Protein backbone atom coordinates (compact mmCIF):
# COMPACT_ATOMS: atom_id res chain seq x y z
CA UNK A 1 -94.20 15.72 36.36
CA UNK A 2 -93.12 12.15 37.27
CA UNK A 3 -93.11 8.75 34.99
CA UNK A 4 -95.66 5.82 35.83
CA UNK A 5 -96.10 2.48 34.20
CA UNK A 6 -99.31 0.24 34.66
CA UNK A 7 -99.04 -2.96 32.68
CA UNK A 8 -99.13 -6.57 32.81
CA UNK A 9 -97.31 -9.45 31.21
CA UNK A 10 -96.66 -12.80 30.78
CA UNK A 11 -94.83 -12.43 34.51
CA UNK A 12 -97.79 -11.27 36.17
CA UNK A 13 -100.54 -12.60 34.59
CA UNK A 14 -102.00 -15.86 32.69
CA UNK A 15 -102.54 -16.37 29.42
CA UNK A 16 -106.06 -16.19 29.74
CA UNK A 17 -105.81 -12.75 31.15
CA UNK A 18 -103.26 -11.63 28.73
CA UNK A 19 -105.68 -13.00 26.03
CA UNK A 20 -108.22 -10.88 26.76
CA UNK A 21 -106.33 -7.49 27.95
CA UNK A 22 -104.47 -7.35 24.80
CA UNK A 23 -105.25 -4.38 22.45
CA UNK A 24 -104.92 -3.45 18.58
CA UNK A 25 -105.52 -1.50 15.58
CA UNK A 26 -108.49 0.73 16.44
CA UNK A 27 -108.80 -0.29 20.30
CA UNK A 28 -105.27 0.94 20.80
CA UNK A 29 -105.56 4.05 19.02
CA UNK A 30 -108.64 4.96 21.49
CA UNK A 31 -106.84 3.53 24.74
CA UNK A 32 -104.21 6.32 23.82
CA UNK A 33 -106.35 8.85 23.17
CA UNK A 34 -108.37 8.29 26.27
CA UNK A 35 -105.59 8.00 28.87
CA UNK A 36 -103.81 11.32 27.29
CA UNK A 37 -107.17 12.84 28.02
CA UNK A 38 -106.62 11.88 31.96
CA UNK A 39 -106.45 15.24 34.17
CA UNK A 40 -103.69 13.77 35.69
CA UNK A 41 -101.65 12.98 32.55
CA UNK A 42 -99.36 14.91 30.00
CA UNK A 43 -97.97 12.51 27.99
CA UNK A 44 -98.35 8.60 26.95
CA UNK A 45 -97.58 5.39 25.03
CA UNK A 46 -98.52 1.95 25.12
CA UNK A 47 -96.66 -0.78 24.11
CA UNK A 48 -99.16 -3.84 23.75
CA UNK A 49 -97.87 -6.84 22.30
CA UNK A 50 -98.84 -11.00 22.61
CA UNK A 51 -97.11 -10.94 26.26
CA UNK A 52 -97.56 -7.47 27.79
CA UNK A 53 -99.93 -4.57 27.81
CA UNK A 54 -98.17 -1.79 29.80
CA UNK A 55 -99.18 1.90 29.91
CA UNK A 56 -96.37 4.56 30.12
CA UNK A 57 -97.52 8.13 31.40
CA UNK A 58 -95.68 11.04 32.38
CA UNK A 59 -98.25 12.13 35.30
CA UNK A 60 -98.64 14.95 38.15
CA UNK A 61 -100.45 12.61 40.78
CA UNK A 62 -99.55 9.31 41.22
CA UNK A 63 -102.37 7.62 42.77
CA UNK A 64 -105.41 9.54 40.63
CA UNK A 65 -102.78 8.52 37.52
CA UNK A 66 -102.55 4.99 39.04
CA UNK A 67 -106.69 4.75 39.39
CA UNK A 68 -107.17 6.79 36.06
CA UNK A 69 -105.28 4.31 33.73
CA UNK A 70 -106.05 1.34 35.36
CA UNK A 71 -110.16 2.02 34.82
CA UNK A 72 -109.50 2.43 31.43
CA UNK A 73 -107.53 -0.63 30.66
CA UNK A 74 -110.01 -2.28 31.80
CA UNK A 75 -113.18 -0.73 30.29
CA UNK A 76 -110.62 -0.99 26.77
CA UNK A 77 -109.73 -4.79 27.70
CA UNK A 78 -113.29 -5.49 28.39
CA UNK A 79 -112.40 -7.14 31.47
CA UNK A 80 -113.78 -6.21 35.02
CA UNK A 81 -111.30 -3.99 36.91
CA UNK A 82 -110.99 -6.53 39.96
CA UNK A 83 -109.57 -9.36 37.64
CA UNK A 84 -107.42 -7.10 35.97
CA UNK A 85 -106.21 -5.46 39.03
CA UNK A 86 -104.99 -8.55 40.55
CA UNK A 87 -102.34 -8.99 37.61
CA UNK A 88 -100.96 -5.15 37.31
CA UNK A 89 -97.80 -3.79 38.25
CA UNK A 90 -96.46 -0.57 38.78
CA UNK A 91 -93.52 1.37 38.39
CA UNK A 92 -93.00 4.98 39.35
CA UNK A 93 -90.55 7.10 38.60
CA UNK A 94 -86.69 5.83 38.23
CA UNK A 95 -88.06 2.47 38.57
CA UNK A 96 -90.23 3.08 35.70
CA UNK A 97 -87.49 4.14 33.48
CA UNK A 98 -85.49 1.03 34.64
CA UNK A 99 -88.25 -0.84 33.41
CA UNK A 100 -88.62 0.70 30.29
CA UNK A 101 -85.09 0.06 29.62
CA UNK A 102 -85.18 -3.91 30.31
CA UNK A 103 -88.26 -4.16 28.21
CA UNK A 104 -86.49 -2.95 25.28
CA UNK A 105 -83.76 -4.73 25.86
CA UNK A 106 -84.94 -7.91 25.95
CA UNK A 107 -84.90 -8.61 29.58
CA UNK A 108 -88.29 -9.26 30.22
CA UNK A 109 -89.26 -11.13 27.01
CA UNK A 110 -90.47 -14.72 27.10
CA UNK A 111 -87.26 -15.68 25.28
CA UNK A 112 -84.90 -13.53 26.74
CA UNK A 113 -82.92 -11.49 24.43
CA UNK A 114 -85.33 -11.63 21.65
CA UNK A 115 -84.96 -9.11 18.91
CA UNK A 116 -88.55 -8.25 18.22
CA UNK A 117 -89.40 -6.13 21.41
CA UNK A 118 -87.32 -3.34 20.20
CA UNK A 119 -89.32 -2.74 16.86
CA UNK A 120 -91.91 -3.35 19.19
CA UNK A 121 -91.08 -0.41 21.55
CA UNK A 122 -90.31 1.48 18.57
CA UNK A 123 -93.84 0.89 17.12
CA UNK A 124 -95.41 2.25 19.85
CA UNK A 125 -93.46 5.59 20.05
CA UNK A 126 -94.52 6.35 16.23
CA UNK A 127 -97.95 5.36 17.23
CA UNK A 128 -97.98 7.61 19.81
CA UNK A 129 -96.26 10.65 18.15
CA UNK A 130 -99.16 9.65 15.29
CA UNK A 131 -102.08 10.75 17.95
CA UNK A 132 -100.00 13.18 19.50
CA UNK A 133 -99.47 11.70 22.96
CA UNK A 134 -96.22 11.94 23.19
CA UNK A 135 -94.39 14.91 24.34
CA UNK A 136 -90.38 16.03 25.53
CA UNK A 137 -90.60 13.70 28.65
CA UNK A 138 -91.38 10.49 27.51
CA UNK A 139 -89.76 11.04 23.96
CA UNK A 140 -86.54 11.62 25.47
CA UNK A 141 -87.47 8.91 27.52
CA UNK A 142 -88.30 6.67 24.42
CA UNK A 143 -85.02 7.58 22.75
CA UNK A 144 -83.10 6.43 25.88
CA UNK A 145 -84.57 3.03 25.49
CA UNK A 146 -84.13 2.96 21.91
CA UNK A 147 -80.22 3.53 22.58
CA UNK A 148 -80.10 0.86 25.33
CA UNK A 149 -81.53 -1.65 23.27
CA UNK A 150 -79.10 -0.76 20.38
CA UNK A 151 -76.24 -1.22 22.18
CA UNK A 152 -77.41 -4.49 23.94
CA UNK A 153 -77.29 -6.15 20.74
CA UNK A 154 -73.90 -4.58 19.32
CA UNK A 155 -72.17 -4.99 22.38
CA UNK A 156 -73.21 -8.28 23.96
CA UNK A 157 -74.16 -11.77 22.74
CA UNK A 158 -77.84 -11.02 24.13
CA UNK A 159 -78.88 -11.05 20.39
CA UNK A 160 -77.34 -13.94 19.51
CA UNK A 161 -78.44 -16.04 22.45
CA UNK A 162 -81.71 -14.97 22.53
CA UNK A 163 -83.76 -17.01 19.81
CA UNK A 164 -87.04 -15.29 18.96
CA UNK A 165 -90.42 -15.94 20.10
CA UNK A 166 -91.14 -17.77 16.37
CA UNK A 167 -87.76 -19.58 16.36
CA UNK A 168 -88.65 -20.86 19.67
CA UNK A 169 -91.92 -21.89 18.43
CA UNK A 170 -90.94 -24.29 15.14
CA UNK A 171 -88.07 -25.60 17.75
CA UNK A 172 -90.98 -26.87 20.12
CA UNK A 173 -93.05 -27.92 16.94
CA UNK A 174 -90.62 -29.88 14.66
CA UNK A 175 -90.26 -31.80 18.05
CA UNK A 176 -93.64 -32.70 17.80
CA UNK A 177 -93.60 -33.43 14.07
CA UNK A 178 -92.06 -37.07 14.55
CA UNK A 179 -89.14 -38.21 13.19
CA UNK A 180 -87.78 -40.19 10.20
CA UNK A 181 -86.43 -43.55 10.56
CA UNK A 182 -85.54 -42.63 14.63
CA UNK A 183 -83.85 -39.31 13.29
CA UNK A 184 -85.36 -36.19 13.61
CA UNK A 185 -86.67 -34.72 10.12
CA UNK A 186 -87.50 -31.46 11.48
CA UNK A 187 -89.10 -28.69 8.80
CA UNK A 188 -87.59 -30.38 5.53
CA UNK A 189 -89.68 -31.09 3.08
CA UNK A 190 -93.20 -30.73 4.87
CA UNK A 191 -95.64 -28.42 3.95
CA UNK A 192 -96.26 -25.28 6.41
CA UNK A 193 -99.12 -23.37 6.33
CA UNK A 194 -98.93 -19.64 7.56
CA UNK A 195 -102.29 -17.86 8.55
CA UNK A 196 -101.78 -14.06 8.58
CA UNK A 197 -99.71 -11.56 6.66
CA UNK A 198 -98.30 -9.07 9.78
CA UNK A 199 -94.23 -9.42 10.83
CA UNK A 200 -94.63 -12.37 12.96
CA UNK A 201 -96.12 -14.35 10.35
CA UNK A 202 -93.27 -13.23 7.79
CA UNK A 203 -90.69 -14.19 10.54
CA UNK A 204 -92.57 -17.49 10.95
CA UNK A 205 -92.71 -17.97 6.60
CA UNK A 206 -88.90 -16.97 6.59
CA UNK A 207 -87.59 -19.56 9.77
CA UNK A 208 -89.90 -22.31 7.49
CA UNK A 209 -88.13 -21.67 4.36
CA UNK A 210 -84.61 -21.37 6.22
CA UNK A 211 -85.74 -25.12 7.41
CA UNK A 212 -86.27 -26.73 4.47
CA UNK A 213 -90.22 -26.35 4.17
CA UNK A 214 -91.60 -28.50 0.96
CA UNK A 215 -93.88 -25.34 0.49
CA UNK A 216 -95.40 -22.28 1.77
CA UNK A 217 -98.64 -21.33 1.92
CA UNK A 218 -99.76 -18.24 3.50
CA UNK A 219 -103.33 -17.23 4.20
CA UNK A 220 -104.79 -13.98 5.04
CA UNK A 221 -108.12 -11.80 4.87
CA UNK A 222 -106.39 -10.04 2.17
CA UNK A 223 -105.40 -11.46 -0.34
CA UNK A 224 -102.61 -9.15 -1.86
CA UNK A 225 -100.54 -9.48 1.30
CA UNK A 226 -100.91 -12.56 1.44
CA UNK A 227 -99.27 -12.54 -2.23
CA UNK A 228 -96.67 -10.08 -1.18
CA UNK A 229 -95.80 -12.68 1.75
CA UNK A 230 -95.73 -15.57 -0.23
CA UNK A 231 -93.29 -14.36 -2.53
CA UNK A 232 -90.99 -13.16 -0.42
CA UNK A 233 -90.43 -16.43 1.02
CA UNK A 234 -91.23 -18.49 -2.74
CA UNK A 235 -94.31 -19.72 -1.35
CA UNK A 236 -98.13 -19.11 -2.64
CA UNK A 237 -101.11 -17.31 -1.27
CA UNK A 238 -104.37 -18.82 -0.16
CA UNK A 239 -107.59 -17.01 0.23
CA UNK A 240 -109.06 -17.05 3.72
CA UNK A 241 -112.56 -18.64 2.32
CA UNK A 242 -110.21 -21.14 0.77
CA UNK A 243 -108.33 -21.99 4.68
CA UNK A 244 -109.78 -25.78 4.89
CA UNK A 245 -107.71 -27.40 2.30
CA UNK A 246 -104.79 -25.34 3.02
CA UNK A 247 -105.08 -26.96 6.63
CA UNK A 248 -105.41 -30.56 5.16
CA UNK A 249 -102.51 -30.05 3.26
CA UNK A 250 -100.32 -29.06 6.05
CA UNK A 251 -97.97 -30.85 8.76
CA UNK A 252 -97.33 -27.27 10.61
CA UNK A 253 -99.55 -24.09 10.70
CA UNK A 254 -98.63 -21.14 12.15
CA UNK A 255 -101.37 -18.82 13.02
CA UNK A 256 -100.92 -15.19 13.94
CA UNK A 257 -103.77 -12.75 12.80
CA UNK A 258 -105.44 -9.50 14.27
CA UNK A 259 -108.69 -11.13 14.14
CA UNK A 260 -111.51 -10.90 17.38
CA UNK A 261 -112.59 -14.41 17.26
CA UNK A 262 -111.15 -17.95 16.07
CA UNK A 263 -110.08 -18.46 12.60
CA UNK A 264 -109.15 -22.23 13.46
CA UNK A 265 -112.12 -23.63 14.53
CA UNK A 266 -112.39 -27.36 15.71
CA UNK A 267 -115.15 -27.77 12.82
CA UNK A 268 -112.83 -26.18 10.20
CA UNK A 269 -109.47 -28.95 11.51
CA UNK A 270 -112.07 -31.40 12.33
CA UNK A 271 -113.00 -31.69 8.40
CA UNK A 272 -109.37 -31.47 7.59
CA UNK A 273 -108.49 -34.21 9.13
CA UNK A 274 -110.56 -36.13 7.24
CA UNK A 275 -108.77 -35.22 4.01
CA UNK A 276 -105.11 -36.10 5.54
CA UNK A 277 -103.35 -39.05 4.27
CA UNK A 278 -100.08 -37.99 6.11
CA UNK A 279 -99.79 -40.05 9.19
CA UNK A 280 -97.63 -37.57 11.26
CA UNK A 281 -99.78 -35.29 13.88
CA UNK A 282 -101.19 -31.88 12.55
CA UNK A 283 -99.18 -29.66 14.32
CA UNK A 284 -100.48 -26.19 15.11
CA UNK A 285 -98.86 -22.71 16.20
CA UNK A 286 -101.03 -19.83 17.26
CA UNK A 287 -99.06 -17.14 18.00
CA UNK A 288 -101.93 -14.67 18.39
CA UNK A 289 -103.21 -12.85 21.03
CA UNK A 290 -106.15 -12.96 21.52
CA UNK A 291 -106.23 -16.76 20.23
CA UNK A 292 -106.80 -17.56 16.84
CA UNK A 293 -107.31 -21.54 17.40
CA UNK A 294 -110.51 -22.65 19.05
CA UNK A 295 -109.19 -24.47 22.25
CA UNK A 296 -111.16 -27.66 21.55
CA UNK A 297 -108.77 -27.90 18.51
CA UNK A 298 -106.18 -29.21 20.85
CA UNK A 299 -108.77 -31.93 22.13
CA UNK A 300 -109.30 -34.05 18.03
CA UNK A 301 -106.67 -36.64 17.58
CA UNK A 302 -103.63 -35.96 15.41
CA UNK A 303 -103.94 -32.81 16.38
CA UNK A 304 -101.14 -30.68 18.58
CA UNK A 305 -101.57 -27.27 19.41
CA UNK A 306 -99.00 -25.27 20.88
CA UNK A 307 -100.17 -21.95 22.06
CA UNK A 308 -98.60 -18.96 24.41
CA UNK A 309 -98.75 -20.43 27.35
CA UNK A 310 -96.63 -23.68 26.69
CA UNK A 311 -94.33 -21.52 25.09
CA UNK A 312 -93.98 -19.14 28.37
CA UNK A 313 -93.15 -21.94 29.79
CA UNK A 314 -89.98 -22.78 27.90
CA UNK A 315 -88.60 -19.62 27.66
CA UNK A 316 -84.92 -19.56 27.06
CA UNK A 317 -82.39 -17.80 28.74
CA UNK A 318 -79.60 -15.80 27.35
CA UNK A 319 -76.05 -16.37 29.15
CA UNK A 320 -75.36 -15.34 32.58
CA UNK A 321 -72.77 -13.44 31.34
CA UNK A 322 -75.02 -11.55 28.38
CA UNK A 323 -77.78 -10.56 30.67
CA UNK A 324 -74.98 -9.50 33.39
CA UNK A 325 -73.57 -7.10 30.41
CA UNK A 326 -77.15 -5.67 29.39
CA UNK A 327 -77.91 -5.16 32.53
CA UNK A 328 -74.55 -3.00 33.06
CA UNK A 329 -75.72 -1.17 30.22
CA UNK A 330 -79.10 -0.04 31.06
CA UNK A 331 -77.25 0.80 34.45
CA UNK A 332 -74.91 3.31 32.68
CA UNK A 333 -78.06 4.46 30.47
CA UNK A 334 -80.11 5.29 33.20
CA UNK A 335 -77.43 6.94 35.77
CA UNK A 336 -76.12 9.49 32.49
CA UNK A 337 -79.73 10.17 31.89
CA UNK A 338 -79.92 10.63 35.68
CA UNK A 339 -76.94 12.83 35.92
CA UNK A 340 -78.64 15.01 32.63
CA UNK A 341 -81.92 15.60 34.10
CA UNK A 342 -80.28 16.86 37.47
CA UNK A 343 -77.92 19.38 35.16
CA UNK A 344 -81.04 20.46 33.36
CA UNK A 345 -82.99 21.31 37.03
CA UNK A 346 -80.01 23.80 37.78
CA UNK A 347 -78.88 25.10 34.25
CA UNK A 348 -81.66 27.87 34.25
CA UNK A 349 -79.95 29.00 37.23
CA UNK A 350 -76.29 28.73 35.58
CA UNK A 351 -77.67 31.00 32.66
CA UNK A 352 -79.02 33.33 34.80
CA UNK A 353 -76.07 33.68 36.76
CA UNK A 354 -73.68 34.42 33.59
CA UNK A 355 -75.93 36.35 32.00
CA UNK A 356 -76.11 38.49 34.69
CA UNK A 357 -72.36 37.98 34.91
CA UNK A 358 -72.31 39.79 31.26
CA UNK A 359 -74.42 42.34 31.73
CA UNK A 360 -72.55 43.74 34.92
CA UNK A 361 -69.28 43.41 32.48
CA UNK A 362 -71.00 45.21 29.42
CA UNK A 363 -72.02 48.29 31.49
CA UNK A 364 -68.83 48.81 33.45
CA UNK A 365 -66.90 48.31 29.86
CA UNK A 366 -69.15 50.36 28.55
CA UNK A 367 -68.65 52.95 31.21
CA UNK A 368 -64.53 52.42 31.03
CA UNK A 369 -64.17 53.09 27.22
CA UNK A 370 -66.45 56.46 27.45
CA UNK A 371 -63.76 57.62 30.49
CA UNK A 372 -60.57 55.62 28.68
CA UNK A 373 -61.24 57.14 24.62
CA UNK A 374 -61.24 60.81 25.97
CA UNK A 375 -58.07 59.93 27.33
CA UNK A 376 -57.14 59.18 23.98
CA UNK A 377 -56.58 54.83 24.34
CA UNK A 378 -57.03 53.21 21.21
CA UNK A 379 -60.09 50.99 20.47
CA UNK A 380 -57.53 47.56 19.92
CA UNK A 381 -56.40 48.50 23.92
CA UNK A 382 -59.72 49.30 24.84
CA UNK A 383 -60.60 45.31 23.09
CA UNK A 384 -57.62 43.65 25.27
CA UNK A 385 -59.12 45.54 28.38
CA UNK A 386 -62.81 43.98 27.64
CA UNK A 387 -61.26 40.35 26.91
CA UNK A 388 -59.72 40.25 30.30
CA UNK A 389 -62.51 41.50 32.31
CA UNK A 390 -64.74 38.73 30.43
CA UNK A 391 -62.00 35.74 30.55
CA UNK A 392 -61.50 36.98 34.84
CA UNK A 393 -65.14 36.93 34.93
CA UNK A 394 -65.33 33.40 33.15
CA UNK A 395 -63.00 31.59 35.15
CA UNK A 396 -64.25 33.54 38.30
CA UNK A 397 -67.74 31.84 37.95
CA UNK A 398 -66.45 28.08 36.46
CA UNK A 399 -66.04 26.92 39.47
CA UNK A 400 -68.84 27.38 41.30
CA UNK A 401 -71.32 26.66 38.17
CA UNK A 402 -69.41 23.37 37.58
CA UNK A 403 -69.79 22.29 40.75
CA UNK A 404 -73.13 22.87 40.73
CA UNK A 405 -74.08 20.85 38.63
CA UNK A 406 -72.13 18.28 40.08
CA UNK A 407 -73.71 18.57 43.23
CA UNK A 408 -76.84 18.36 41.37
CA UNK A 409 -77.81 14.88 41.95
CA UNK A 410 -76.46 14.43 45.16
CA UNK A 411 -79.04 14.95 48.48
CA UNK A 412 -79.78 18.22 48.74
CA UNK A 413 -78.79 19.38 45.19
CA UNK A 414 -81.60 22.27 44.77
CA UNK A 415 -79.75 23.77 47.56
CA UNK A 416 -76.72 24.25 46.15
CA UNK A 417 -79.01 26.14 43.14
CA UNK A 418 -80.57 27.70 45.19
CA UNK A 419 -77.97 29.09 47.63
CA UNK A 420 -76.46 30.67 44.04
CA UNK A 421 -79.56 32.57 43.06
CA UNK A 422 -79.16 33.73 46.81
CA UNK A 423 -75.28 34.86 47.06
CA UNK A 424 -75.54 36.41 43.52
CA UNK A 425 -79.18 38.41 43.95
CA UNK A 426 -80.66 36.49 40.76
CA UNK A 427 -84.03 37.35 40.11
CA UNK A 428 -86.18 34.55 40.03
CA UNK A 429 -88.15 35.83 36.37
CA UNK A 430 -84.62 35.52 35.44
CA UNK A 431 -84.49 32.47 35.90
CA UNK A 432 -88.26 31.71 34.99
CA UNK A 433 -87.50 33.00 31.14
CA UNK A 434 -84.52 30.78 30.71
CA UNK A 435 -86.67 28.13 31.74
CA UNK A 436 -89.62 28.89 29.68
CA UNK A 437 -87.18 29.64 26.30
CA UNK A 438 -85.88 26.06 26.53
CA UNK A 439 -89.13 24.26 26.71
CA UNK A 440 -90.42 26.09 23.78
CA UNK A 441 -87.38 25.55 21.61
CA UNK A 442 -88.15 21.86 22.47
CA UNK A 443 -91.26 21.63 21.77
CA UNK A 444 -90.41 23.68 18.43
CA UNK A 445 -87.80 21.45 17.62
CA UNK A 446 -90.28 18.76 18.10
CA UNK A 447 -92.92 20.12 16.32
CA UNK A 448 -90.97 20.08 13.11
CA UNK A 449 -89.76 16.12 13.55
């Protein structure tokens, strides 16, 4: 089996396509299940964020895997396959693993180094576990990616250098809000409305609070979720049915919901503008994918709409030294993973060889004990002889078994393991039994998590 990733992101597709391709909630769960049922797929998980939809799969056939995933993506996204495939990228085997590490470390984000992506990767893995679509292979890769992401943030300045998407958005928004006596005023003393109560909305509300917003209103379809978030930031909750007055009262609106249609329409904003007394522009941040704000809102006088397309253009980059340090971490983790995979490939042969050697030693010791006991040799002496024989065999086998693991990753590495099997006349069934036992043990451990 081999790892395959098929996806699209802000680097390969325009916002309009990303908006159509976005999958979440029940649609994401259905996509997961359908990919897992594809003939060529053994395991899968999907990373779906505002700026990327990526399907990771453990496949037995490259072309069949790519074809099945492309067709399923198009079907679940409601995009014609010919329109979608032009923007898709495909990575296979080691390149797929390398890409996952870069994503988890924030190197592939709109805002390089942003911290939200590692949580999104963790959520993707958890969802796949809940639906039973991930197993030993991709589970291990997921743990590898999370470890790399944690190291990147603990050992480099990438997290400090890279702003979050929300922070960047609010920074751009405050620049549009105008100034006071020629000096930027920022959010200080301004009313803010946050539409939605998810993780990005919570981050937006928190950022607004730290920026000195005069008030923070939180509107959400489920009022109790709005109340919970509002309580955390010292704001007040608004029912979605009362969105009109809340729009009129705000200077900055941040919208990030999971709604399928427009939440903030041209008519709604037009009515709100008629009630506004403030002279400064009304700035609307649309952080949703698909978008929450009807495109026609941007044409209203006195309204500035900042969406994902503008954010993509302004994505900030972390320092070159931090990026280089994170890339080095990714390369080190990838090399360690490669070595572990290579060693695991020859491990059954090594275990089978040591098992056969132990069996031969035990048989010879049993024969020797019968003869020497009759000559009056003590049990202590017999035990000393047994330990010496085992040490001799261990020392003789140490060098070739260690060396075959070291050579496993070199060109033709499997040939060295094959040579051991031939030279020591190892029963192929014994090697297969070790492999099967290791797989069963790993599966059993995963089932109990």
